[in-house]
ModelCIF file with pLDDT and N, C-alpha, C, O atoms, coordinates in Angstrom:
data_MODEL
#
_entry.id   MODEL 
#
_entity.id                         1 
_entity.type                       polymer 
_entity.pdbx_number_of_molecules   1 
#
_entity_poly.entity_id                      1 
_entity_poly.type                           'polypeptide(L)' 
_entity_poly.nstd_linkage                   no 
_entity_poly.nstd_monomer                   no 
_entity_poly.pdbx_seq_one_letter_code       FSYFLAYFLRFNFSIPEGYLPLIFKSLPLLLFFRAASFFLFRL 
_entity_poly.pdbx_seq_one_letter_code_can   FSYFLAYFLRFNFSIPEGYLPLIFKSLPLLLFFRAASFFLFRL 
_entity_poly.pdbx_strand_id                 A 
#
loop_
_entity_poly_seq.entity_id 
_entity_poly_seq.num 
_entity_poly_seq.mon_id 
_entity_poly_seq.hetero 
1 1  PHE n 
1 2  SER n 
1 3  TYR n 
1 4  PHE n 
1 5  LEU n 
1 6  ALA n 
1 7  TYR n 
1 8  PHE n 
1 9  LEU n 
1 10 ARG n 
1 11 PHE n 
1 12 ASN n 
1 13 PHE n 
1 14 SER n 
1 15 ILE n 
1 16 PRO n 
1 17 GLU n 
1 18 GLY n 
1 19 TYR n 
1 20 LEU n 
1 21 PRO n 
1 22 LEU n 
1 23 ILE n 
1 24 PHE n 
1 25 LYS n 
1 26 SER n 
1 27 LEU n 
1 28 PRO n 
1 29 LEU n 
1 30 LEU n 
1 31 LEU n 
1 32 PHE n 
1 33 PHE n 
1 34 ARG n 
1 35 ALA n 
1 36 ALA n 
1 37 SER n 
1 38 PHE n 
1 39 PHE n 
1 40 LEU n 
1 41 PHE n 
1 42 ARG n 
1 43 LEU n 
#
_struct_asym.id          A 
_struct_asym.entity_id   1 
#
loop_
_ma_qa_metric.id 
_ma_qa_metric.mode 
_ma_qa_metric.name 
_ma_qa_metric.software_group_id 
_ma_qa_metric.type 
1 global pLDDT . pLDDT 
2 local  pLDDT . pLDDT 
#
_ma_qa_metric_global.metric_id      1 
_ma_qa_metric_global.metric_value   85.63 
_ma_qa_metric_global.model_id       1 
_ma_qa_metric_global.ordinal_id     1 
#
loop_
_ma_qa_metric_local.label_asym_id 
_ma_qa_metric_local.label_comp_id 
_ma_qa_metric_local.label_seq_id 
_ma_qa_metric_local.metric_id 
_ma_qa_metric_local.metric_value 
_ma_qa_metric_local.model_id 
_ma_qa_metric_local.ordinal_id 
A PHE 1  2 91.00 1 1  
A SER 2  2 90.00 1 2  
A TYR 3  2 89.00 1 3  
A PHE 4  2 90.00 1 4  
A LEU 5  2 90.00 1 5  
A ALA 6  2 89.00 1 6  
A TYR 7  2 89.00 1 7  
A PHE 8  2 88.00 1 8  
A LEU 9  2 89.00 1 9  
A ARG 10 2 88.00 1 10 
A PHE 11 2 86.00 1 11 
A ASN 12 2 84.00 1 12 
A PHE 13 2 83.00 1 13 
A SER 14 2 83.00 1 14 
A ILE 15 2 83.00 1 15 
A PRO 16 2 83.00 1 16 
A GLU 17 2 79.00 1 17 
A GLY 18 2 79.00 1 18 
A TYR 19 2 83.00 1 19 
A LEU 20 2 84.00 1 20 
A PRO 21 2 85.00 1 21 
A LEU 22 2 85.00 1 22 
A ILE 23 2 85.00 1 23 
A PHE 24 2 88.00 1 24 
A LYS 25 2 87.00 1 25 
A SER 26 2 88.00 1 26 
A LEU 27 2 89.00 1 27 
A PRO 28 2 89.00 1 28 
A LEU 29 2 89.00 1 29 
A LEU 30 2 89.00 1 30 
A LEU 31 2 89.00 1 31 
A PHE 32 2 90.00 1 32 
A PHE 33 2 89.00 1 33 
A ARG 34 2 87.00 1 34 
A ALA 35 2 86.00 1 35 
A ALA 36 2 87.00 1 36 
A SER 37 2 87.00 1 37 
A PHE 38 2 82.00 1 38 
A PHE 39 2 83.00 1 39 
A LEU 40 2 84.00 1 40 
A PHE 41 2 78.00 1 41 
A ARG 42 2 74.00 1 42 
A LEU 43 2 72.00 1 43 
#
loop_
_atom_site.group_PDB 
_atom_site.id 
_atom_site.type_symbol 
_atom_site.label_atom_id 
_atom_site.label_alt_id 
_atom_site.label_comp_id 
_atom_site.label_asym_id 
_atom_site.label_entity_id 
_atom_site.label_seq_id 
_atom_site.pdbx_PDB_ins_code 
_atom_site.Cartn_x 
_atom_site.Cartn_y 
_atom_site.Cartn_z 
_atom_site.occupancy 
_atom_site.B_iso_or_equiv 
_atom_site.pdbx_formal_charge 
_atom_site.auth_seq_id 
_atom_site.auth_comp_id 
_atom_site.auth_asym_id 
_atom_site.auth_atom_id 
_atom_site.pdbx_PDB_model_num 
ATOM 1   N N  . PHE A 1 1  ? 3.648   -4.930  -3.000  1.00 91.00 ? 1  PHE A N  1 
ATOM 2   C CA . PHE A 1 1  ? 4.456   -4.398  -4.101  1.00 91.00 ? 1  PHE A CA 1 
ATOM 3   C C  . PHE A 1 1  ? 3.721   -3.267  -4.810  1.00 91.00 ? 1  PHE A C  1 
ATOM 4   O O  . PHE A 1 1  ? 4.315   -2.239  -5.138  1.00 91.00 ? 1  PHE A O  1 
ATOM 5   N N  . SER A 1 2  ? 2.412   -3.465  -5.047  1.00 90.00 ? 2  SER A N  1 
ATOM 6   C CA . SER A 1 2  ? 1.628   -2.456  -5.766  1.00 90.00 ? 2  SER A CA 1 
ATOM 7   C C  . SER A 1 2  ? 1.542   -1.158  -4.961  1.00 90.00 ? 2  SER A C  1 
ATOM 8   O O  . SER A 1 2  ? 1.591   -0.068  -5.531  1.00 90.00 ? 2  SER A O  1 
ATOM 9   N N  . TYR A 1 3  ? 1.413   -1.275  -3.631  1.00 89.00 ? 3  TYR A N  1 
ATOM 10  C CA . TYR A 1 3  ? 1.298   -0.076  -2.785  1.00 89.00 ? 3  TYR A CA 1 
ATOM 11  C C  . TYR A 1 3  ? 2.592   0.749   -2.830  1.00 89.00 ? 3  TYR A C  1 
ATOM 12  O O  . TYR A 1 3  ? 2.560   1.973   -2.961  1.00 89.00 ? 3  TYR A O  1 
ATOM 13  N N  . PHE A 1 4  ? 3.728   0.049   -2.718  1.00 90.00 ? 4  PHE A N  1 
ATOM 14  C CA . PHE A 1 4  ? 5.006   0.754   -2.820  1.00 90.00 ? 4  PHE A CA 1 
ATOM 15  C C  . PHE A 1 4  ? 5.212   1.327   -4.220  1.00 90.00 ? 4  PHE A C  1 
ATOM 16  O O  . PHE A 1 4  ? 5.714   2.440   -4.380  1.00 90.00 ? 4  PHE A O  1 
ATOM 17  N N  . LEU A 1 5  ? 4.813   0.544   -5.240  1.00 90.00 ? 5  LEU A N  1 
ATOM 18  C CA . LEU A 1 5  ? 4.980   1.014   -6.612  1.00 90.00 ? 5  LEU A CA 1 
ATOM 19  C C  . LEU A 1 5  ? 4.146   2.270   -6.874  1.00 90.00 ? 5  LEU A C  1 
ATOM 20  O O  . LEU A 1 5  ? 4.570   3.156   -7.615  1.00 90.00 ? 5  LEU A O  1 
ATOM 21  N N  . ALA A 1 6  ? 2.956   2.344   -6.261  1.00 89.00 ? 6  ALA A N  1 
ATOM 22  C CA . ALA A 1 6  ? 2.109   3.521   -6.439  1.00 89.00 ? 6  ALA A CA 1 
ATOM 23  C C  . ALA A 1 6  ? 2.814   4.775   -5.932  1.00 89.00 ? 6  ALA A C  1 
ATOM 24  O O  . ALA A 1 6  ? 2.728   5.834   -6.556  1.00 89.00 ? 6  ALA A O  1 
ATOM 25  N N  . TYR A 1 7  ? 3.512   4.658   -4.801  1.00 89.00 ? 7  TYR A N  1 
ATOM 26  C CA . TYR A 1 7  ? 4.276   5.804   -4.287  1.00 89.00 ? 7  TYR A CA 1 
ATOM 27  C C  . TYR A 1 7  ? 5.474   6.113   -5.185  1.00 89.00 ? 7  TYR A C  1 
ATOM 28  O O  . TYR A 1 7  ? 5.792   7.278   -5.421  1.00 89.00 ? 7  TYR A O  1 
ATOM 29  N N  . PHE A 1 8  ? 6.137   5.068   -5.684  1.00 88.00 ? 8  PHE A N  1 
ATOM 30  C CA . PHE A 1 8  ? 7.260   5.297   -6.597  1.00 88.00 ? 8  PHE A CA 1 
ATOM 31  C C  . PHE A 1 8  ? 6.808   6.040   -7.847  1.00 88.00 ? 8  PHE A C  1 
ATOM 32  O O  . PHE A 1 8  ? 7.465   6.979   -8.294  1.00 88.00 ? 8  PHE A O  1 
ATOM 33  N N  . LEU A 1 9  ? 5.684   5.612   -8.405  1.00 89.00 ? 9  LEU A N  1 
ATOM 34  C CA . LEU A 1 9  ? 5.183   6.283   -9.607  1.00 89.00 ? 9  LEU A CA 1 
ATOM 35  C C  . LEU A 1 9  ? 4.731   7.705   -9.305  1.00 89.00 ? 9  LEU A C  1 
ATOM 36  O O  . LEU A 1 9  ? 4.926   8.617   -10.109 1.00 89.00 ? 9  LEU A O  1 
ATOM 37  N N  . ARG A 1 10 ? 4.124   7.881   -8.132  1.00 88.00 ? 10 ARG A N  1 
ATOM 38  C CA . ARG A 1 10 ? 3.644   9.223   -7.770  1.00 88.00 ? 10 ARG A CA 1 
ATOM 39  C C  . ARG A 1 10 ? 4.793   10.212  -7.617  1.00 88.00 ? 10 ARG A C  1 
ATOM 40  O O  . ARG A 1 10 ? 4.665   11.377  -7.992  1.00 88.00 ? 10 ARG A O  1 
ATOM 41  N N  . PHE A 1 11 ? 5.926   9.748   -7.062  1.00 86.00 ? 11 PHE A N  1 
ATOM 42  C CA . PHE A 1 11 ? 7.059   10.651  -6.803  1.00 86.00 ? 11 PHE A CA 1 
ATOM 43  C C  . PHE A 1 11 ? 8.240   10.380  -7.736  1.00 86.00 ? 11 PHE A C  1 
ATOM 44  O O  . PHE A 1 11 ? 9.393   10.613  -7.373  1.00 86.00 ? 11 PHE A O  1 
ATOM 45  N N  . ASN A 1 12 ? 7.940   9.880   -8.953  1.00 84.00 ? 12 ASN A N  1 
ATOM 46  C CA . ASN A 1 12 ? 8.980   9.684   -9.975  1.00 84.00 ? 12 ASN A CA 1 
ATOM 47  C C  . ASN A 1 12 ? 10.139  8.828   -9.468  1.00 84.00 ? 12 ASN A C  1 
ATOM 48  O O  . ASN A 1 12 ? 11.312  9.156   -9.650  1.00 84.00 ? 12 ASN A O  1 
ATOM 49  N N  . PHE A 1 13 ? 9.763   7.701   -8.814  1.00 83.00 ? 13 PHE A N  1 
ATOM 50  C CA . PHE A 1 13 ? 10.719  6.679   -8.357  1.00 83.00 ? 13 PHE A CA 1 
ATOM 51  C C  . PHE A 1 13 ? 11.692  7.196   -7.295  1.00 83.00 ? 13 PHE A C  1 
ATOM 52  O O  . PHE A 1 13 ? 12.813  6.701   -7.181  1.00 83.00 ? 13 PHE A O  1 
ATOM 53  N N  . SER A 1 14 ? 11.265  8.178   -6.534  1.00 83.00 ? 14 SER A N  1 
ATOM 54  C CA . SER A 1 14 ? 12.092  8.668   -5.420  1.00 83.00 ? 14 SER A CA 1 
ATOM 55  C C  . SER A 1 14 ? 11.155  9.106   -4.301  1.00 83.00 ? 14 SER A C  1 
ATOM 56  O O  . SER A 1 14 ? 10.722  10.258  -4.264  1.00 83.00 ? 14 SER A O  1 
ATOM 57  N N  . ILE A 1 15 ? 10.838  8.174   -3.378  1.00 83.00 ? 15 ILE A N  1 
ATOM 58  C CA . ILE A 1 15 ? 9.883   8.463   -2.311  1.00 83.00 ? 15 ILE A CA 1 
ATOM 59  C C  . ILE A 1 15 ? 10.560  9.330   -1.243  1.00 83.00 ? 15 ILE A C  1 
ATOM 60  O O  . ILE A 1 15 ? 11.584  8.928   -0.691  1.00 83.00 ? 15 ILE A O  1 
ATOM 61  N N  . PRO A 1 16 ? 10.013  10.499  -0.947  1.00 83.00 ? 16 PRO A N  1 
ATOM 62  C CA . PRO A 1 16 ? 10.568  11.327  0.138   1.00 83.00 ? 16 PRO A CA 1 
ATOM 63  C C  . PRO A 1 16 ? 10.529  10.569  1.463   1.00 83.00 ? 16 PRO A C  1 
ATOM 64  O O  . PRO A 1 16 ? 9.629   9.763   1.703   1.00 83.00 ? 16 PRO A O  1 
ATOM 65  N N  . GLU A 1 17 ? 11.522  10.837  2.325   1.00 79.00 ? 17 GLU A N  1 
ATOM 66  C CA . GLU A 1 17 ? 11.645  10.097  3.577   1.00 79.00 ? 17 GLU A CA 1 
ATOM 67  C C  . GLU A 1 17 ? 10.414  10.248  4.474   1.00 79.00 ? 17 GLU A C  1 
ATOM 68  O O  . GLU A 1 17 ? 10.077  9.328   5.220   1.00 79.00 ? 17 GLU A O  1 
ATOM 69  N N  . GLY A 1 18 ? 9.755   11.378  4.409   1.00 79.00 ? 18 GLY A N  1 
ATOM 70  C CA . GLY A 1 18 ? 8.613   11.607  5.285   1.00 79.00 ? 18 GLY A CA 1 
ATOM 71  C C  . GLY A 1 18 ? 7.420   10.706  4.995   1.00 79.00 ? 18 GLY A C  1 
ATOM 72  O O  . GLY A 1 18 ? 6.522   10.574  5.827   1.00 79.00 ? 18 GLY A O  1 
ATOM 73  N N  . TYR A 1 19 ? 7.409   10.093  3.828   1.00 83.00 ? 19 TYR A N  1 
ATOM 74  C CA . TYR A 1 19 ? 6.255   9.268   3.459   1.00 83.00 ? 19 TYR A CA 1 
ATOM 75  C C  . TYR A 1 19 ? 6.418   7.807   3.881   1.00 83.00 ? 19 TYR A C  1 
ATOM 76  O O  . TYR A 1 19 ? 5.431   7.079   3.988   1.00 83.00 ? 19 TYR A O  1 
ATOM 77  N N  . LEU A 1 20 ? 7.642   7.382   4.118   1.00 84.00 ? 20 LEU A N  1 
ATOM 78  C CA . LEU A 1 20 ? 7.850   5.983   4.478   1.00 84.00 ? 20 LEU A CA 1 
ATOM 79  C C  . LEU A 1 20 ? 7.114   5.576   5.753   1.00 84.00 ? 20 LEU A C  1 
ATOM 80  O O  . LEU A 1 20 ? 6.510   4.504   5.780   1.00 84.00 ? 20 LEU A O  1 
ATOM 81  N N  . PRO A 1 21 ? 7.140   6.397   6.821   1.00 85.00 ? 21 PRO A N  1 
ATOM 82  C CA . PRO A 1 21 ? 6.367   6.024   8.021   1.00 85.00 ? 21 PRO A CA 1 
ATOM 83  C C  . PRO A 1 21 ? 4.871   5.875   7.737   1.00 85.00 ? 21 PRO A C  1 
ATOM 84  O O  . PRO A 1 21 ? 4.217   4.985   8.281   1.00 85.00 ? 21 PRO A O  1 
ATOM 85  N N  . LEU A 1 22 ? 4.329   6.760   6.874   1.00 85.00 ? 22 LEU A N  1 
ATOM 86  C CA . LEU A 1 22 ? 2.914   6.657   6.523   1.00 85.00 ? 22 LEU A CA 1 
ATOM 87  C C  . LEU A 1 22 ? 2.613   5.341   5.798   1.00 85.00 ? 22 LEU A C  1 
ATOM 88  O O  . LEU A 1 22 ? 1.583   4.707   6.025   1.00 85.00 ? 22 LEU A O  1 
ATOM 89  N N  . ILE A 1 23 ? 3.529   4.956   4.931   1.00 85.00 ? 23 ILE A N  1 
ATOM 90  C CA . ILE A 1 23 ? 3.334   3.700   4.184   1.00 85.00 ? 23 ILE A CA 1 
ATOM 91  C C  . ILE A 1 23 ? 3.266   2.523   5.144   1.00 85.00 ? 23 ILE A C  1 
ATOM 92  O O  . ILE A 1 23 ? 2.356   1.698   5.062   1.00 85.00 ? 23 ILE A O  1 
ATOM 93  N N  . PHE A 1 24 ? 4.235   2.445   6.056   1.00 88.00 ? 24 PHE A N  1 
ATOM 94  C CA . PHE A 1 24 ? 4.290   1.299   6.964   1.00 88.00 ? 24 PHE A CA 1 
ATOM 95  C C  . PHE A 1 24 ? 3.129   1.307   7.969   1.00 88.00 ? 24 PHE A C  1 
ATOM 96  O O  . PHE A 1 24 ? 2.665   0.245   8.385   1.00 88.00 ? 24 PHE A O  1 
ATOM 97  N N  . LYS A 1 25 ? 2.656   2.506   8.361   1.00 87.00 ? 25 LYS A N  1 
ATOM 98  C CA . LYS A 1 25 ? 1.520   2.576   9.281   1.00 87.00 ? 25 LYS A CA 1 
ATOM 99  C C  . LYS A 1 25 ? 0.206   2.151   8.622   1.00 87.00 ? 25 LYS A C  1 
ATOM 100 O O  . LYS A 1 25 ? -0.642  1.519   9.252   1.00 87.00 ? 25 LYS A O  1 
ATOM 101 N N  . SER A 1 26 ? 0.053   2.508   7.350   1.00 88.00 ? 26 SER A N  1 
ATOM 102 C CA . SER A 1 26 ? -1.219  2.222   6.664   1.00 88.00 ? 26 SER A CA 1 
ATOM 103 C C  . SER A 1 26 ? -1.233  0.849   6.000   1.00 88.00 ? 26 SER A C  1 
ATOM 104 O O  . SER A 1 26 ? -2.303  0.343   5.661   1.00 88.00 ? 26 SER A O  1 
ATOM 105 N N  . LEU A 1 27 ? -0.062  0.237   5.807   1.00 89.00 ? 27 LEU A N  1 
ATOM 106 C CA . LEU A 1 27 ? -0.005  -1.046  5.109   1.00 89.00 ? 27 LEU A CA 1 
ATOM 107 C C  . LEU A 1 27 ? -0.836  -2.144  5.788   1.00 89.00 ? 27 LEU A C  1 
ATOM 108 O O  . LEU A 1 27 ? -1.514  -2.891  5.082   1.00 89.00 ? 27 LEU A O  1 
ATOM 109 N N  . PRO A 1 28 ? -0.819  -2.281  7.132   1.00 89.00 ? 28 PRO A N  1 
ATOM 110 C CA . PRO A 1 28 ? -1.666  -3.317  7.752   1.00 89.00 ? 28 PRO A CA 1 
ATOM 111 C C  . PRO A 1 28 ? -3.161  -3.138  7.451   1.00 89.00 ? 28 PRO A C  1 
ATOM 112 O O  . PRO A 1 28 ? -3.884  -4.114  7.250   1.00 89.00 ? 28 PRO A O  1 
ATOM 113 N N  . LEU A 1 29 ? -3.610  -1.878  7.423   1.00 89.00 ? 29 LEU A N  1 
ATOM 114 C CA . LEU A 1 29 ? -5.021  -1.636  7.075   1.00 89.00 ? 29 LEU A CA 1 
ATOM 115 C C  . LEU A 1 29 ? -5.312  -2.088  5.653   1.00 89.00 ? 29 LEU A C  1 
ATOM 116 O O  . LEU A 1 29 ? -6.344  -2.703  5.386   1.00 89.00 ? 29 LEU A O  1 
ATOM 117 N N  . LEU A 1 30 ? -4.394  -1.779  4.743   1.00 89.00 ? 30 LEU A N  1 
ATOM 118 C CA . LEU A 1 30 ? -4.588  -2.170  3.350   1.00 89.00 ? 30 LEU A CA 1 
ATOM 119 C C  . LEU A 1 30 ? -4.655  -3.690  3.218   1.00 89.00 ? 30 LEU A C  1 
ATOM 120 O O  . LEU A 1 30 ? -5.529  -4.217  2.530   1.00 89.00 ? 30 LEU A O  1 
ATOM 121 N N  . LEU A 1 31 ? -3.738  -4.393  3.875   1.00 89.00 ? 31 LEU A N  1 
ATOM 122 C CA . LEU A 1 31 ? -3.723  -5.853  3.800   1.00 89.00 ? 31 LEU A CA 1 
ATOM 123 C C  . LEU A 1 31 ? -5.003  -6.441  4.392   1.00 89.00 ? 31 LEU A C  1 
ATOM 124 O O  . LEU A 1 31 ? -5.552  -7.402  3.852   1.00 89.00 ? 31 LEU A O  1 
ATOM 125 N N  . PHE A 1 32 ? -5.473  -5.878  5.484   1.00 90.00 ? 32 PHE A N  1 
ATOM 126 C CA . PHE A 1 32 ? -6.678  -6.402  6.130   1.00 90.00 ? 32 PHE A CA 1 
ATOM 127 C C  . PHE A 1 32 ? -7.899  -6.260  5.225   1.00 90.00 ? 32 PHE A C  1 
ATOM 128 O O  . PHE A 1 32 ? -8.637  -7.221  5.006   1.00 90.00 ? 32 PHE A O  1 
ATOM 129 N N  . PHE A 1 33 ? -8.104  -5.046  4.701   1.00 89.00 ? 33 PHE A N  1 
ATOM 130 C CA . PHE A 1 33 ? -9.300  -4.822  3.884   1.00 89.00 ? 33 PHE A CA 1 
ATOM 131 C C  . PHE A 1 33 ? -9.210  -5.546  2.537   1.00 89.00 ? 33 PHE A C  1 
ATOM 132 O O  . PHE A 1 33 ? -10.222 -6.024  2.022   1.00 89.00 ? 33 PHE A O  1 
ATOM 133 N N  . ARG A 1 34 ? -8.012  -5.629  1.968   1.00 87.00 ? 34 ARG A N  1 
ATOM 134 C CA . ARG A 1 34 ? -7.866  -6.371  0.716   1.00 87.00 ? 34 ARG A CA 1 
ATOM 135 C C  . ARG A 1 34 ? -8.159  -7.860  0.940   1.00 87.00 ? 34 ARG A C  1 
ATOM 136 O O  . ARG A 1 34 ? -8.890  -8.472  0.161   1.00 87.00 ? 34 ARG A O  1 
ATOM 137 N N  . ALA A 1 35 ? -7.592  -8.439  1.999   1.00 86.00 ? 35 ALA A N  1 
ATOM 138 C CA . ALA A 1 35 ? -7.818  -9.860  2.272   1.00 86.00 ? 35 ALA A CA 1 
ATOM 139 C C  . ALA A 1 35 ? -9.297  -10.142 2.520   1.00 86.00 ? 35 ALA A C  1 
ATOM 140 O O  . ALA A 1 35 ? -9.841  -11.132 2.030   1.00 86.00 ? 35 ALA A O  1 
ATOM 141 N N  . ALA A 1 36 ? -9.948  -9.252  3.293   1.00 87.00 ? 36 ALA A N  1 
ATOM 142 C CA . ALA A 1 36 ? -11.374 -9.442  3.573   1.00 87.00 ? 36 ALA A CA 1 
ATOM 143 C C  . ALA A 1 36 ? -12.204 -9.400  2.291   1.00 87.00 ? 36 ALA A C  1 
ATOM 144 O O  . ALA A 1 36 ? -13.097 -10.227 2.104   1.00 87.00 ? 36 ALA A O  1 
ATOM 145 N N  . SER A 1 37 ? -11.917 -8.449  1.414   1.00 87.00 ? 37 SER A N  1 
ATOM 146 C CA . SER A 1 37 ? -12.673 -8.347  0.163   1.00 87.00 ? 37 SER A CA 1 
ATOM 147 C C  . SER A 1 37 ? -12.363 -9.516  -0.770  1.00 87.00 ? 37 SER A C  1 
ATOM 148 O O  . SER A 1 37 ? -13.244 -9.971  -1.499  1.00 87.00 ? 37 SER A O  1 
ATOM 149 N N  . PHE A 1 38 ? -11.108 -10.013 -0.758  1.00 82.00 ? 38 PHE A N  1 
ATOM 150 C CA . PHE A 1 38 ? -10.755 -11.156 -1.600  1.00 82.00 ? 38 PHE A CA 1 
ATOM 151 C C  . PHE A 1 38 ? -11.542 -12.397 -1.183  1.00 82.00 ? 38 PHE A C  1 
ATOM 152 O O  . PHE A 1 38 ? -12.050 -13.134 -2.028  1.00 82.00 ? 38 PHE A O  1 
ATOM 153 N N  . PHE A 1 39 ? -11.637 -12.619 0.126   1.00 83.00 ? 39 PHE A N  1 
ATOM 154 C CA . PHE A 1 39 ? -12.389 -13.778 0.591   1.00 83.00 ? 39 PHE A CA 1 
ATOM 155 C C  . PHE A 1 39 ? -13.889 -13.584 0.397   1.00 83.00 ? 39 PHE A C  1 
ATOM 156 O O  . PHE A 1 39 ? -14.613 -14.545 0.139   1.00 83.00 ? 39 PHE A O  1 
ATOM 157 N N  . LEU A 1 40 ? -14.359 -12.336 0.520   1.00 84.00 ? 40 LEU A N  1 
ATOM 158 C CA . LEU A 1 40 ? -15.781 -12.063 0.321   1.00 84.00 ? 40 LEU A CA 1 
ATOM 159 C C  . LEU A 1 40 ? -16.210 -12.403 -1.099  1.00 84.00 ? 40 LEU A C  1 
ATOM 160 O O  . LEU A 1 40 ? -17.300 -12.936 -1.308  1.00 84.00 ? 40 LEU A O  1 
ATOM 161 N N  . PHE A 1 41 ? -15.364 -12.100 -2.072  1.00 78.00 ? 41 PHE A N  1 
ATOM 162 C CA . PHE A 1 41 ? -15.685 -12.369 -3.476  1.00 78.00 ? 41 PHE A CA 1 
ATOM 163 C C  . PHE A 1 41 ? -15.124 -13.710 -3.950  1.00 78.00 ? 41 PHE A C  1 
ATOM 164 O O  . PHE A 1 41 ? -15.109 -13.987 -5.150  1.00 78.00 ? 41 PHE A O  1 
ATOM 165 N N  . ARG A 1 42 ? -14.665 -14.540 -3.018  1.00 74.00 ? 42 ARG A N  1 
ATOM 166 C CA . ARG A 1 42 ? -14.268 -15.925 -3.293  1.00 74.00 ? 42 ARG A CA 1 
ATOM 167 C C  . ARG A 1 42 ? -13.228 -16.020 -4.409  1.00 74.00 ? 42 ARG A C  1 
ATOM 168 O O  . ARG A 1 42 ? -13.391 -16.786 -5.359  1.00 74.00 ? 42 ARG A O  1 
ATOM 169 N N  . LEU A 1 43 ? -12.175 -15.247 -4.284  1.00 72.00 ? 43 LEU A N  1 
ATOM 170 C CA . LEU A 1 43 ? -11.123 -15.315 -5.288  1.00 72.00 ? 43 LEU A CA 1 
ATOM 171 C C  . LEU A 1 43 ? -10.335 -16.617 -5.201  1.00 72.00 ? 43 LEU A C  1 
ATOM 172 O O  . LEU A 1 43 ? -9.408  -16.830 -5.982  1.00 72.00 ? 43 LEU A O  1 
#
């Protein structure tokens, strides 16, 4: 939710179509590194 919201805020709540593929391609990387850091710091 936060990742999508960041794009919404960046583009005044209207994400250009060209950015959606980038979001979906990079989202798995974000989830992986966030999960790894969460477990590393024992959240």
